[in-house]
Every structure is written in structure tokens, then in C-alpha cells.
Amino acid sequence: MMSRKQFWLTALMTSFVMAVIMSGVLSGYKLGFNAQWPPVWLSGFSVAWPVALLLNLTVLPQIRKLAAWLSTPNHVKKPQQQRQKNRA
């Protein structure tokens, strides 16, 4: 389990890196890597980072749960599902 500090640092750093890379590549792809690109990239990044952080904090935990569920072998899922049905 991650500490609270590690959780926030991870969320901030991963969203920052993804926003830098994705906004840079996509703006460069659309506009071309020329003299006009840096201000366009900075504008795109200023929107992308808050969105990436929000998604990192809200959607990513759900994706991790789904990935864990999908990667669990079927023979392990069935007893867990049966126990959950018995509780209901």
C-alpha cells in the first residue's frame, strides 16, 4: 500500500509527464515542429495537465481494479463470486 505522500507525488508526476509528452507530440503533429509550436504546446499543456491529474485521481483507481479483476484466473474468480452471492 502506498503512503499518502507517495500517492500524491505519483499522481502529480505521472500526470505531468503524460501531459507534457501528449500535448507536445499532438500539437507538434498537428502544427508541425516550427517556431509557432512552443506557445501552442504550452497552451495545450496548461489544459492537459489538470485534466490528466483529475483522470489520474478518479479513473485510474477504477482501471487498476478492472485490470486486477481481468488478470485474475477464472478458477480464482468463481469462488470469490460465489462468496459474494452468498453474502447478498
Protein backbone atom coordinates (compact mmCIF):
# COMPACT_ATOMS: atom_id res chain seq x y z
CA MET A 1 0.00 0.00 0.00
CA MET A 2 1.27 3.47 -0.92
CA SER A 3 1.75 6.18 1.64
CA ARG A 4 -0.38 9.29 1.16
CA LYS A 5 2.71 11.31 0.21
CA GLN A 6 3.77 8.72 -2.36
CA PHE A 7 0.23 8.57 -3.77
CA TRP A 8 0.11 12.35 -4.36
CA LEU A 9 3.65 12.55 -5.72
CA THR A 10 2.93 9.68 -8.11
CA ALA A 11 -0.33 11.28 -9.27
CA LEU A 12 1.31 14.68 -9.81
CA MET A 13 4.41 13.36 -11.55
CA THR A 14 2.70 10.84 -13.84
CA SER A 15 0.04 13.32 -14.92
CA PHE A 16 2.72 15.96 -15.52
CA VAL A 17 4.87 13.67 -17.66
CA MET A 18 1.92 12.35 -19.66
CA ALA A 19 0.55 15.87 -20.25
CA VAL A 20 3.96 17.18 -21.37
CA ILE A 21 4.51 14.31 -23.79
CA MET A 22 1.00 14.03 -25.20
CA SER A 23 0.37 17.77 -25.62
CA GLY A 24 3.83 18.22 -27.16
CA VAL A 25 3.52 15.36 -29.60
CA LEU A 26 -0.06 16.11 -30.64
CA SER A 27 0.45 19.85 -31.06
CA GLY A 28 3.67 19.22 -33.00
CA TYR A 29 1.94 16.64 -35.16
CA LYS A 30 -0.95 18.96 -35.97
CA LEU A 31 1.00 22.22 -36.35
CA GLY A 32 4.46 20.99 -37.21
CA PHE A 33 7.57 21.42 -35.10
CA ASN A 34 8.35 25.01 -36.05
CA ALA A 35 8.67 28.39 -34.32
CA GLN A 36 4.91 28.53 -33.65
CA TRP A 37 4.93 25.18 -31.85
CA PRO A 38 6.23 26.13 -28.34
CA PRO A 39 3.43 28.57 -27.43
CA VAL A 40 0.80 26.21 -28.85
CA TRP A 41 2.31 23.33 -26.86
CA LEU A 42 2.33 25.41 -23.67
CA SER A 43 -1.32 26.34 -24.20
CA GLY A 44 -2.23 22.69 -24.76
CA PHE A 45 -0.22 21.60 -21.75
CA SER A 46 -1.96 24.13 -19.47
CA VAL A 47 -5.26 22.38 -20.27
CA ALA A 48 -3.89 18.84 -20.44
CA TRP A 49 -2.20 18.68 -17.02
CA PRO A 50 -5.27 19.46 -14.88
CA VAL A 51 -7.33 17.04 -16.96
CA ALA A 52 -4.66 14.33 -16.66
CA LEU A 53 -4.42 14.86 -12.90
CA LEU A 54 -8.19 14.66 -12.48
CA LEU A 55 -8.33 11.45 -14.52
CA ASN A 56 -5.36 10.05 -12.63
CA LEU A 57 -7.16 10.59 -9.34
CA THR A 58 -10.61 9.38 -10.41
CA VAL A 59 -10.43 6.97 -13.34
CA LEU A 60 -7.06 5.30 -12.75
CA PRO A 61 -8.09 3.56 -9.50
CA GLN A 62 -11.07 2.04 -11.33
CA ILE A 63 -8.84 0.93 -14.20
CA ARG A 64 -6.47 -0.72 -11.70
CA LYS A 65 -9.39 -2.63 -10.16
CA LEU A 66 -10.59 -3.73 -13.60
CA ALA A 67 -7.08 -4.80 -14.62
CA ALA A 68 -6.70 -6.79 -11.39
CA TRP A 69 -10.06 -8.46 -11.99
CA LEU A 70 -9.24 -9.24 -15.64
CA SER A 71 -5.86 -10.68 -14.74
CA THR A 72 -7.26 -12.98 -12.03
CA PRO A 73 -7.56 -16.57 -13.30
CA ASN A 74 -11.15 -17.86 -13.71
CA HIS A 75 -10.71 -20.58 -11.09
CA VAL A 76 -9.99 -17.87 -8.51
CA LYS A 77 -12.86 -15.61 -9.65
CA LYS A 78 -15.57 -18.26 -9.33
CA PRO A 79 -15.16 -18.91 -5.56
CA GLN A 80 -14.99 -15.15 -4.93
CA GLN A 81 -18.16 -14.57 -6.95
CA GLN A 82 -19.90 -17.42 -5.12
CA ARG A 83 -18.96 -15.93 -1.72
CA GLN A 84 -20.27 -12.53 -2.82
CA LYS A 85 -23.59 -14.09 -3.90
CA ASN A 86 -23.89 -15.90 -0.57
CA ARG A 87 -23.40 -12.61 1.32
CA ALA A 88 -26.20 -10.88 -0.60
